[in-house]
Amino acid sequence: MTLYDLMIGNIDALRELNRAGVKIGDINYIDAYADILRMKREGEKMTYIIAKVGAERNIPERSLWRVLRKFSTRV
């Protein structure tokens, strides 16, 4: 399979993701976002969540705040 084949097979999804402003590198933050949502459901404070997830995954807190805002956007 070539990159072209993969893209053509998923063209509609790729177009929607592009329209929503998603960058391919954003997939690196999916697990961190899932952790943030889980901890939020458990009642933790957001500042603590961001600090803890950032430390565990070696992601700057500022990046996690950006990810939280971006991934929470309705499309």
C-alpha atoms as a PDB file:
ATOM      1  CA  MET A   1       0.000   0.000   0.000  1.00  0.00           C
ATOM      2  CA  THR A   2       1.264   3.470  -0.807  1.00  0.00           C
ATOM      3  CA  LEU A   3       0.600   6.707   1.004  1.00  0.00           C
ATOM      4  CA  TYR A   4      -1.627   7.710  -1.893  1.00  0.00           C
ATOM      5  CA  ASP A   5      -3.719   4.543  -1.500  1.00  0.00           C
ATOM      6  CA  LEU A   6      -4.098   5.172   2.218  1.00  0.00           C
ATOM      7  CA  MET A   7      -5.134   8.785   1.688  1.00  0.00           C
ATOM      8  CA  ILE A   8      -7.612   7.990  -1.087  1.00  0.00           C
ATOM      9  CA  GLY A   9      -9.210   5.307   1.063  1.00  0.00           C
ATOM     10  CA  ASN A  10      -9.788   7.848   3.828  1.00  0.00           C
ATOM     11  CA  ILE A  11     -10.295  11.014   1.807  1.00  0.00           C
ATOM     12  CA  ASP A  12     -13.576  12.070   3.430  1.00  0.00           C
ATOM     13  CA  ALA A  13     -12.236  11.695   6.963  1.00  0.00           C
ATOM     14  CA  LEU A  14      -9.008  13.494   6.018  1.00  0.00           C
ATOM     15  CA  ARG A  15     -10.943  16.387   4.508  1.00  0.00           C
ATOM     16  CA  GLU A  16     -13.050  16.776   7.653  1.00  0.00           C
ATOM     17  CA  LEU A  17      -9.976  16.633   9.877  1.00  0.00           C
ATOM     18  CA  ASN A  18      -8.246  19.235   7.728  1.00  0.00           C
ATOM     19  CA  ARG A  19     -11.315  21.463   7.831  1.00  0.00           C
ATOM     20  CA  ALA A  20     -11.339  21.176  11.625  1.00  0.00           C
ATOM     21  CA  GLY A  21      -7.700  22.286  11.774  1.00  0.00           C
ATOM     22  CA  VAL A  22      -6.271  18.962  12.921  1.00  0.00           C
ATOM     23  CA  LYS A  23      -2.563  18.457  12.324  1.00  0.00           C
ATOM     24  CA  ILE A  24      -1.145  14.958  11.924  1.00  0.00           C
ATOM     25  CA  GLY A  25       1.055  15.471  14.986  1.00  0.00           C
ATOM     26  CA  ASP A  26      -2.048  15.862  17.150  1.00  0.00           C
ATOM     27  CA  ILE A  27      -2.389  12.081  17.259  1.00  0.00           C
ATOM     28  CA  ASN A  28       0.537  12.074  19.708  1.00  0.00           C
ATOM     29  CA  TYR A  29      -1.725  13.663  22.314  1.00  0.00           C
ATOM     30  CA  ILE A  30      -4.750  11.352  22.094  1.00  0.00           C
ATOM     31  CA  ASP A  31      -3.714   9.186  25.057  1.00  0.00           C
ATOM     32  CA  ALA A  32      -2.861  12.236  27.162  1.00  0.00           C
ATOM     33  CA  TYR A  33      -6.279  13.741  26.384  1.00  0.00           C
ATOM     34  CA  ALA A  34      -7.960  10.479  27.383  1.00  0.00           C
ATOM     35  CA  ASP A  35      -6.096  10.621  30.713  1.00  0.00           C
ATOM     36  CA  ILE A  36      -7.214  14.228  31.219  1.00  0.00           C
ATOM     37  CA  LEU A  37     -10.858  13.293  30.618  1.00  0.00           C
ATOM     38  CA  ARG A  38     -10.637  10.299  32.962  1.00  0.00           C
ATOM     39  CA  MET A  39      -9.103  12.315  35.777  1.00  0.00           C
ATOM     40  CA  LYS A  40     -11.645  15.087  35.269  1.00  0.00           C
ATOM     41  CA  ARG A  41     -14.487  12.547  35.605  1.00  0.00           C
ATOM     42  CA  GLU A  42     -12.838  11.355  38.818  1.00  0.00           C
ATOM     43  CA  GLY A  43     -13.161  14.880  40.208  1.00  0.00           C
ATOM     44  CA  GLU A  44      -9.551  16.064  40.070  1.00  0.00           C
ATOM     45  CA  LYS A  45      -8.786  19.766  39.609  1.00  0.00           C
ATOM     46  CA  MET A  46      -7.660  20.780  36.106  1.00  0.00           C
ATOM     47  CA  THR A  47      -4.409  22.400  37.248  1.00  0.00           C
ATOM     48  CA  TYR A  48      -3.429  19.185  39.037  1.00  0.00           C
ATOM     49  CA  ILE A  49      -4.474  17.055  36.058  1.00  0.00           C
ATOM     50  CA  ILE A  50      -2.400  19.064  33.587  1.00  0.00           C
ATOM     51  CA  ALA A  51       0.638  19.022  35.878  1.00  0.00           C
ATOM     52  CA  LYS A  52       0.386  15.280  36.533  1.00  0.00           C
ATOM     53  CA  VAL A  53      -0.246  14.217  32.929  1.00  0.00           C
ATOM     54  CA  GLY A  54       2.491  16.551  31.718  1.00  0.00           C
ATOM     55  CA  ALA A  55       5.002  15.095  34.155  1.00  0.00           C
ATOM     56  CA  GLU A  56       4.019  11.491  33.402  1.00  0.00           C
ATOM     57  CA  ARG A  57       4.192  11.945  29.633  1.00  0.00           C
ATOM     58  CA  ASN A  58       6.959  14.567  29.493  1.00  0.00           C
ATOM     59  CA  ILE A  59       4.676  17.073  27.754  1.00  0.00           C
ATOM     60  CA  PRO A  60       4.885  20.774  28.617  1.00  0.00           C
ATOM     61  CA  GLU A  61       1.844  22.007  30.542  1.00  0.00           C
ATOM     62  CA  ARG A  62       1.287  24.810  28.021  1.00  0.00           C
ATOM     63  CA  SER A  63       1.020  22.202  25.257  1.00  0.00           C
ATOM     64  CA  LEU A  64      -1.536  20.233  27.251  1.00  0.00           C
ATOM     65  CA  TRP A  65      -3.680  23.318  27.786  1.00  0.00           C
ATOM     66  CA  ARG A  66      -3.570  23.896  24.012  1.00  0.00           C
ATOM     67  CA  VAL A  67      -4.492  20.257  23.356  1.00  0.00           C
ATOM     68  CA  LEU A  68      -7.355  20.448  25.848  1.00  0.00           C
ATOM     69  CA  ARG A  69      -8.773  23.539  24.158  1.00  0.00           C
ATOM     70  CA  LYS A  70      -8.282  22.130  20.649  1.00  0.00           C
ATOM     71  CA  PHE A  71      -9.647  18.638  21.315  1.00  0.00           C
ATOM     72  CA  SER A  72     -12.675  20.044  23.182  1.00  0.00           C
ATOM     73  CA  THR A  73     -13.748  22.123  20.175  1.00  0.00           C
ATOM     74  CA  ARG A  74     -17.038  21.070  18.585  1.00  0.00           C
ATOM     75  CA  VAL A  75     -16.798  20.298  14.871  1.00  0.00           C
END
